[in-house]
Amino acid sequence: MPTIFTRIIEGELPGKFVWRDDRCVAFLSIAPLRPGHALVVPIGEVDKWTDLEPALAAHLMVVAQRIAQAQQAAFSPARVGLIIAGLEVPHCHLHTVPIDHEADLHFANANTDAPDDELEQAAGKLRAALSAAGYTEESRV
């Protein structure tokens, strides 16, 4: 049975995508810890990050860094945090979260009722920051 992330990647479920290339995607969390919270997810299902092929692990980290740089530009946080937890969905994913305090990284702070228009606004800011950094849709593939 496909994971929820595979269903989002394949378009079966909606997602606020900010990145797509031939190996991974990034989309906003539907339960953001902070506005702009994104998930970097390999297209192929790999349960644990420790099971990733090294080249794919490196690629995910490069994309996470690019997303984080865009989050820094778009949201002006003190830092952008990175979490690889893997308990919520059995499909590896890297959380990039704009933060001002360490407590901003606690999953208990997730906004499980984030309005769709707020998610789309945050996605638009991230897409614009990625474009400003030279990452057009064509260059991400």
N, C-alpha and C. Protein backbone atom coordinates (compact mmCIF):
# COMPACT_ATOMS: atom_id res chain seq x y z
N MET A 1 0.85 -1.18 0.00
CA MET A 1 0.00 0.00 0.00
C MET A 1 0.90 1.24 0.00
N PRO A 2 0.64 2.19 -0.89
CA PRO A 2 1.48 3.39 -0.96
C PRO A 2 1.33 4.25 0.30
N THR A 3 2.41 4.92 0.66
CA THR A 3 2.34 5.83 1.81
C THR A 3 1.55 7.08 1.43
N ILE A 4 1.17 7.83 2.45
CA ILE A 4 0.46 9.09 2.19
C ILE A 4 1.34 10.03 1.36
N PHE A 5 2.67 9.97 1.57
CA PHE A 5 3.55 10.83 0.79
C PHE A 5 3.58 10.42 -0.68
N THR A 6 3.58 9.13 -0.95
CA THR A 6 3.52 8.66 -2.34
C THR A 6 2.22 9.13 -2.98
N ARG A 7 1.14 9.07 -2.24
CA ARG A 7 -0.15 9.51 -2.77
C ARG A 7 -0.13 11.01 -3.07
N ILE A 8 0.57 11.80 -2.24
CA ILE A 8 0.71 13.24 -2.51
C ILE A 8 1.59 13.45 -3.73
N ILE A 9 2.73 12.77 -3.77
CA ILE A 9 3.67 12.90 -4.89
C ILE A 9 3.00 12.56 -6.22
N GLU A 10 2.17 11.53 -6.24
CA GLU A 10 1.49 11.09 -7.46
C GLU A 10 0.25 11.91 -7.79
N GLY A 11 -0.10 12.88 -6.94
CA GLY A 11 -1.24 13.74 -7.22
C GLY A 11 -2.57 13.20 -6.77
N GLU A 12 -2.58 12.06 -6.11
CA GLU A 12 -3.82 11.47 -5.63
C GLU A 12 -4.40 12.30 -4.47
N LEU A 13 -3.51 12.88 -3.68
CA LEU A 13 -3.88 13.78 -2.59
C LEU A 13 -3.22 15.14 -2.85
N PRO A 14 -3.84 16.23 -2.40
CA PRO A 14 -3.26 17.55 -2.67
C PRO A 14 -2.00 17.80 -1.84
N GLY A 15 -1.14 18.63 -2.39
CA GLY A 15 0.07 19.04 -1.69
C GLY A 15 0.48 20.42 -2.16
N LYS A 16 1.08 21.19 -1.28
CA LYS A 16 1.59 22.53 -1.61
C LYS A 16 3.07 22.38 -1.94
N PHE A 17 3.35 22.01 -3.19
CA PHE A 17 4.72 21.73 -3.63
C PHE A 17 5.52 23.01 -3.82
N VAL A 18 6.79 22.95 -3.41
CA VAL A 18 7.72 24.05 -3.64
C VAL A 18 8.95 23.58 -4.40
N TRP A 19 9.13 22.27 -4.54
CA TRP A 19 10.29 21.71 -5.24
C TRP A 19 9.90 20.36 -5.83
N ARG A 20 10.42 20.10 -7.03
CA ARG A 20 10.28 18.76 -7.62
C ARG A 20 11.44 18.57 -8.57
N ASP A 21 12.14 17.46 -8.40
CA ASP A 21 13.16 17.07 -9.37
C ASP A 21 12.99 15.57 -9.62
N ASP A 22 13.96 14.95 -10.26
CA ASP A 22 13.78 13.55 -10.63
C ASP A 22 13.97 12.59 -9.46
N ARG A 23 14.43 13.08 -8.30
CA ARG A 23 14.67 12.20 -7.16
C ARG A 23 13.88 12.53 -5.90
N CYS A 24 13.42 13.78 -5.80
CA CYS A 24 12.69 14.16 -4.59
C CYS A 24 11.73 15.31 -4.85
N VAL A 25 10.90 15.54 -3.84
CA VAL A 25 9.98 16.68 -3.85
C VAL A 25 10.08 17.37 -2.50
N ALA A 26 9.57 18.58 -2.45
CA ALA A 26 9.38 19.27 -1.17
C ALA A 26 8.01 19.91 -1.21
N PHE A 27 7.29 19.73 -0.15
CA PHE A 27 5.97 20.34 -0.02
C PHE A 27 5.76 20.76 1.43
N LEU A 28 4.79 21.64 1.64
CA LEU A 28 4.54 22.13 2.99
C LEU A 28 3.86 21.07 3.83
N SER A 29 4.19 21.08 5.11
CA SER A 29 3.52 20.22 6.07
C SER A 29 2.08 20.72 6.24
N ILE A 30 1.14 19.80 6.34
CA ILE A 30 -0.25 20.20 6.60
C ILE A 30 -0.48 20.47 8.08
N ALA A 31 0.53 20.14 8.91
CA ALA A 31 0.49 20.44 10.35
C ALA A 31 1.80 21.15 10.71
N PRO A 32 1.95 22.38 10.22
CA PRO A 32 3.24 23.06 10.39
C PRO A 32 3.55 23.41 11.84
N LEU A 33 4.83 23.26 12.16
CA LEU A 33 5.31 23.72 13.47
C LEU A 33 5.39 25.24 13.47
N ARG A 34 5.74 25.80 12.32
CA ARG A 34 5.83 27.24 12.09
C ARG A 34 5.46 27.49 10.63
N PRO A 35 5.01 28.69 10.28
CA PRO A 35 4.73 28.97 8.87
C PRO A 35 5.95 28.70 8.00
N GLY A 36 5.72 28.02 6.88
CA GLY A 36 6.79 27.69 5.95
C GLY A 36 7.42 26.34 6.19
N HIS A 37 6.99 25.60 7.21
CA HIS A 37 7.51 24.26 7.53
C HIS A 37 7.33 23.35 6.31
N ALA A 38 8.45 22.85 5.78
CA ALA A 38 8.42 22.02 4.57
C ALA A 38 8.98 20.63 4.84
N LEU A 39 8.59 19.70 4.00
CA LEU A 39 9.09 18.33 4.04
C LEU A 39 9.81 18.03 2.74
N VAL A 40 11.03 17.52 2.83
CA VAL A 40 11.78 17.08 1.66
C VAL A 40 11.70 15.56 1.66
N VAL A 41 11.14 15.01 0.57
CA VAL A 41 10.77 13.60 0.53
C VAL A 41 11.30 12.93 -0.74
N PRO A 42 11.98 11.79 -0.61
CA PRO A 42 12.38 11.09 -1.83
C PRO A 42 11.14 10.57 -2.57
N ILE A 43 11.21 10.56 -3.88
CA ILE A 43 10.07 10.06 -4.66
C ILE A 43 9.86 8.58 -4.41
N GLY A 44 10.92 7.82 -4.42
CA GLY A 44 10.81 6.38 -4.11
C GLY A 44 10.61 6.19 -2.63
N GLU A 45 9.80 5.21 -2.27
CA GLU A 45 9.53 4.95 -0.86
C GLU A 45 10.74 4.28 -0.20
N VAL A 46 11.30 4.95 0.77
CA VAL A 46 12.33 4.41 1.65
C VAL A 46 11.87 4.75 3.05
N ASP A 47 11.71 3.74 3.89
CA ASP A 47 11.14 3.95 5.21
C ASP A 47 12.07 4.77 6.10
N LYS A 48 13.28 4.30 6.33
CA LYS A 48 14.20 4.93 7.28
C LYS A 48 15.30 5.68 6.54
N TRP A 49 15.68 6.84 7.07
CA TRP A 49 16.73 7.62 6.42
C TRP A 49 18.04 6.85 6.43
N THR A 50 18.20 5.97 7.39
CA THR A 50 19.43 5.18 7.45
C THR A 50 19.50 4.14 6.34
N ASP A 51 18.40 3.91 5.64
CA ASP A 51 18.37 2.96 4.52
C ASP A 51 18.52 3.64 3.17
N LEU A 52 18.64 4.97 3.15
CA LEU A 52 18.82 5.68 1.88
C LEU A 52 20.16 5.33 1.25
N GLU A 53 20.18 5.25 -0.07
CA GLU A 53 21.45 5.15 -0.77
C GLU A 53 22.22 6.43 -0.48
N PRO A 54 23.52 6.36 -0.26
CA PRO A 54 24.28 7.56 0.09
C PRO A 54 24.10 8.73 -0.89
N ALA A 55 24.04 8.45 -2.18
CA ALA A 55 23.88 9.55 -3.15
C ALA A 55 22.51 10.22 -2.99
N LEU A 56 21.47 9.44 -2.71
CA LEU A 56 20.15 10.02 -2.50
C LEU A 56 20.12 10.80 -1.18
N ALA A 57 20.74 10.27 -0.14
CA ALA A 57 20.80 10.98 1.14
C ALA A 57 21.48 12.34 0.94
N ALA A 58 22.57 12.36 0.18
CA ALA A 58 23.28 13.61 -0.08
C ALA A 58 22.40 14.57 -0.87
N HIS A 59 21.67 14.06 -1.87
CA HIS A 59 20.79 14.91 -2.67
C HIS A 59 19.69 15.52 -1.80
N LEU A 60 19.09 14.71 -0.93
CA LEU A 60 18.04 15.24 -0.05
C LEU A 60 18.58 16.36 0.83
N MET A 61 19.81 16.19 1.31
CA MET A 61 20.41 17.23 2.15
C MET A 61 20.67 18.51 1.35
N VAL A 62 21.11 18.38 0.12
CA VAL A 62 21.33 19.56 -0.73
C VAL A 62 20.01 20.29 -0.96
N VAL A 63 18.96 19.54 -1.28
CA VAL A 63 17.65 20.16 -1.50
C VAL A 63 17.14 20.79 -0.20
N ALA A 64 17.30 20.10 0.93
CA ALA A 64 16.87 20.66 2.21
C ALA A 64 17.60 21.97 2.49
N GLN A 65 18.88 22.04 2.14
CA GLN A 65 19.64 23.27 2.34
C GLN A 65 19.09 24.40 1.45
N ARG A 66 18.77 24.08 0.21
CA ARG A 66 18.21 25.09 -0.69
C ARG A 66 16.85 25.58 -0.19
N ILE A 67 16.02 24.66 0.28
CA ILE A 67 14.72 25.03 0.84
C ILE A 67 14.93 25.90 2.07
N ALA A 68 15.87 25.53 2.93
CA ALA A 68 16.15 26.29 4.15
C ALA A 68 16.63 27.70 3.82
N GLN A 69 17.47 27.83 2.81
CA GLN A 69 17.93 29.17 2.40
C GLN A 69 16.75 30.01 1.92
N ALA A 70 15.83 29.38 1.20
CA ALA A 70 14.63 30.10 0.76
C ALA A 70 13.73 30.45 1.94
N GLN A 71 13.62 29.56 2.92
CA GLN A 71 12.83 29.85 4.12
C GLN A 71 13.44 31.03 4.88
N GLN A 72 14.78 31.06 4.94
CA GLN A 72 15.46 32.17 5.61
C GLN A 72 15.11 33.49 4.92
N ALA A 73 15.15 33.48 3.60
CA ALA A 73 14.85 34.69 2.83
C ALA A 73 13.37 35.08 2.94
N ALA A 74 12.49 34.10 2.92
CA ALA A 74 11.05 34.38 2.88
C ALA A 74 10.45 34.72 4.25
N PHE A 75 10.97 34.11 5.31
CA PHE A 75 10.34 34.25 6.63
C PHE A 75 11.21 34.95 7.67
N SER A 76 12.48 35.18 7.37
CA SER A 76 13.42 35.87 8.28
C SER A 76 13.48 35.30 9.70
N PRO A 77 13.55 33.97 9.84
CA PRO A 77 13.67 33.41 11.19
C PRO A 77 15.11 33.57 11.69
N ALA A 78 15.31 33.31 12.99
CA ALA A 78 16.66 33.32 13.54
C ALA A 78 17.50 32.20 12.92
N ARG A 79 16.88 31.07 12.68
CA ARG A 79 17.52 29.90 12.08
C ARG A 79 16.46 29.09 11.34
N VAL A 80 16.94 28.11 10.57
CA VAL A 80 16.04 27.11 10.01
C VAL A 80 16.50 25.77 10.57
N GLY A 81 15.60 25.11 11.29
CA GLY A 81 15.92 23.83 11.90
C GLY A 81 15.69 22.68 10.94
N LEU A 82 16.39 21.60 11.19
CA LEU A 82 16.25 20.38 10.38
C LEU A 82 15.99 19.21 11.32
N ILE A 83 14.94 18.46 11.03
CA ILE A 83 14.59 17.28 11.83
C ILE A 83 14.39 16.10 10.89
N ILE A 84 14.98 14.96 11.26
CA ILE A 84 14.67 13.70 10.59
C ILE A 84 14.18 12.78 11.70
N ALA A 85 12.86 12.66 11.84
CA ALA A 85 12.30 11.85 12.92
C ALA A 85 11.81 10.51 12.38
N GLY A 86 10.88 10.56 11.43
CA GLY A 86 10.46 9.33 10.76
C GLY A 86 9.43 8.49 11.47
N LEU A 87 8.81 9.01 12.50
CA LEU A 87 7.81 8.20 13.21
C LEU A 87 6.40 8.38 12.66
N GLU A 88 6.13 9.51 12.03
CA GLU A 88 4.77 9.84 11.62
C GLU A 88 4.32 9.07 10.37
N VAL A 89 5.22 8.96 9.40
CA VAL A 89 4.90 8.31 8.12
C VAL A 89 6.08 7.42 7.76
N PRO A 90 5.83 6.16 7.36
CA PRO A 90 6.93 5.25 7.03
C PRO A 90 7.52 5.52 5.64
N HIS A 91 7.92 6.76 5.41
CA HIS A 91 8.50 7.21 4.14
C HIS A 91 9.45 8.34 4.54
N CYS A 92 10.73 8.13 4.38
CA CYS A 92 11.73 9.08 4.82
C CYS A 92 11.34 10.51 4.43
N HIS A 93 11.56 11.44 5.36
CA HIS A 93 11.32 12.85 5.06
C HIS A 93 12.12 13.72 6.01
N LEU A 94 12.59 14.83 5.48
CA LEU A 94 13.36 15.81 6.23
C LEU A 94 12.47 17.02 6.47
N HIS A 95 12.31 17.40 7.72
CA HIS A 95 11.55 18.59 8.07
C HIS A 95 12.50 19.78 8.07
N THR A 96 12.19 20.83 7.33
CA THR A 96 12.91 22.09 7.42
C THR A 96 11.92 23.10 8.00
N VAL A 97 12.32 23.72 9.11
CA VAL A 97 11.38 24.55 9.86
C VAL A 97 12.02 25.90 10.21
N PRO A 98 11.42 27.00 9.76
CA PRO A 98 11.89 28.31 10.19
C PRO A 98 11.65 28.46 11.69
N ILE A 99 12.70 28.78 12.46
CA ILE A 99 12.54 28.85 13.92
C ILE A 99 13.18 30.12 14.48
N ASP A 100 12.65 30.55 15.61
CA ASP A 100 13.23 31.63 16.39
C ASP A 100 13.73 31.12 17.74
N HIS A 101 13.19 29.99 18.18
CA HIS A 101 13.55 29.40 19.46
C HIS A 101 13.59 27.88 19.31
N GLU A 102 14.38 27.22 20.13
CA GLU A 102 14.47 25.77 20.07
C GLU A 102 13.10 25.12 20.26
N ALA A 103 12.26 25.72 21.10
CA ALA A 103 10.93 25.17 21.36
C ALA A 103 10.07 25.11 20.10
N ASP A 104 10.42 25.90 19.08
CA ASP A 104 9.67 25.89 17.83
C ASP A 104 9.77 24.54 17.12
N LEU A 105 10.72 23.70 17.53
CA LEU A 105 10.91 22.40 16.89
C LEU A 105 10.12 21.28 17.56
N HIS A 106 9.34 21.58 18.56
CA HIS A 106 8.59 20.54 19.26
C HIS A 106 7.31 20.21 18.48
N PHE A 107 7.11 18.92 18.21
CA PHE A 107 5.95 18.50 17.43
C PHE A 107 4.63 18.78 18.16
N ALA A 108 4.68 18.99 19.46
CA ALA A 108 3.47 19.35 20.20
C ALA A 108 2.94 20.71 19.75
N ASN A 109 3.79 21.51 19.10
CA ASN A 109 3.38 22.84 18.61
C ASN A 109 2.74 22.81 17.24
N ALA A 110 2.57 21.64 16.65
CA ALA A 110 2.02 21.55 15.29
C ALA A 110 0.64 22.18 15.22
N ASN A 111 0.43 22.95 14.16
CA ASN A 111 -0.88 23.56 13.91
C ASN A 111 -1.67 22.59 13.04
N THR A 112 -2.43 21.73 13.67
CA THR A 112 -3.18 20.70 12.93
C THR A 112 -4.40 21.26 12.21
N ASP A 113 -4.69 22.54 12.44
CA ASP A 113 -5.83 23.19 11.77
C ASP A 113 -5.37 24.34 10.88
N ALA A 114 -4.18 24.24 10.32
CA ALA A 114 -3.67 25.32 9.47
C ALA A 114 -4.60 25.53 8.28
N PRO A 115 -5.11 26.74 8.10
CA PRO A 115 -6.00 27.01 6.97
C PRO A 115 -5.27 26.86 5.64
N ASP A 116 -5.97 26.35 4.66
CA ASP A 116 -5.40 26.13 3.33
C ASP A 116 -4.83 27.40 2.73
N ASP A 117 -5.50 28.53 2.94
CA ASP A 117 -5.00 29.77 2.35
C ASP A 117 -3.68 30.21 3.00
N GLU A 118 -3.48 29.92 4.30
CA GLU A 118 -2.21 30.23 4.94
C GLU A 118 -1.09 29.33 4.40
N LEU A 119 -1.41 28.06 4.17
CA LEU A 119 -0.42 27.14 3.59
C LEU A 119 -0.04 27.59 2.18
N GLU A 120 -1.03 27.98 1.40
CA GLU A 120 -0.75 28.43 0.03
C GLU A 120 0.06 29.72 0.03
N GLN A 121 -0.24 30.62 0.96
CA GLN A 121 0.53 31.87 1.05
C GLN A 121 1.99 31.55 1.40
N ALA A 122 2.22 30.66 2.35
CA ALA A 122 3.58 30.29 2.72
C ALA A 122 4.29 29.60 1.55
N ALA A 123 3.58 28.73 0.84
CA ALA A 123 4.16 28.06 -0.33
C ALA A 123 4.54 29.08 -1.40
N GLY A 124 3.69 30.07 -1.62
CA GLY A 124 3.98 31.12 -2.59
C GLY A 124 5.23 31.90 -2.22
N LYS A 125 5.40 32.21 -0.93
CA LYS A 125 6.60 32.92 -0.48
C LYS A 125 7.85 32.07 -0.73
N LEU A 126 7.74 30.77 -0.44
CA LEU A 126 8.89 29.88 -0.66
C LEU A 126 9.22 29.74 -2.14
N ARG A 127 8.19 29.57 -2.96
CA ARG A 127 8.43 29.46 -4.41
C ARG A 127 9.10 30.72 -4.93
N ALA A 128 8.64 31.88 -4.48
CA ALA A 128 9.23 33.15 -4.92
C ALA A 128 10.68 33.26 -4.48
N ALA A 129 10.97 32.85 -3.25
CA ALA A 129 12.36 32.90 -2.76
C ALA A 129 13.25 31.92 -3.52
N LEU A 130 12.73 30.76 -3.85
CA LEU A 130 13.50 29.80 -4.65
C LEU A 130 13.77 30.35 -6.05
N SER A 131 12.76 30.98 -6.64
CA SER A 131 12.94 31.59 -7.97
C SER A 131 13.96 32.72 -7.91
N ALA A 132 13.89 33.54 -6.86
CA ALA A 132 14.84 34.65 -6.70
C ALA A 132 16.26 34.13 -6.55
N ALA A 133 16.41 32.93 -6.00
CA ALA A 133 17.73 32.32 -5.84
C ALA A 133 18.20 31.61 -7.11
N GLY A 134 17.36 31.64 -8.15
CA GLY A 134 17.73 31.04 -9.42
C GLY A 134 17.23 29.63 -9.64
N TYR A 135 16.41 29.13 -8.72
CA TYR A 135 15.87 27.78 -8.86
C TYR A 135 14.49 27.84 -9.50
N THR A 136 14.48 27.93 -10.82
CA THR A 136 13.21 27.95 -11.55
C THR A 136 12.70 26.52 -11.65
N GLU A 137 11.45 26.38 -12.04
CA GLU A 137 10.90 25.03 -12.20
C GLU A 137 11.75 24.20 -13.14
N GLU A 138 12.24 24.81 -14.21
CA GLU A 138 13.04 24.06 -15.18
C GLU A 138 14.37 23.61 -14.58
N SER A 139 14.95 24.41 -13.69
CA SER A 139 16.25 24.05 -13.12
C SER A 139 16.13 23.04 -11.99
N ARG A 140 14.91 22.84 -11.51
CA ARG A 140 14.71 21.88 -10.40
C ARG A 140 14.50 20.48 -10.91
N VAL A 141 14.26 20.31 -12.17
CA VAL A 141 13.98 18.97 -12.70
C VAL A 141 15.26 18.30 -13.15
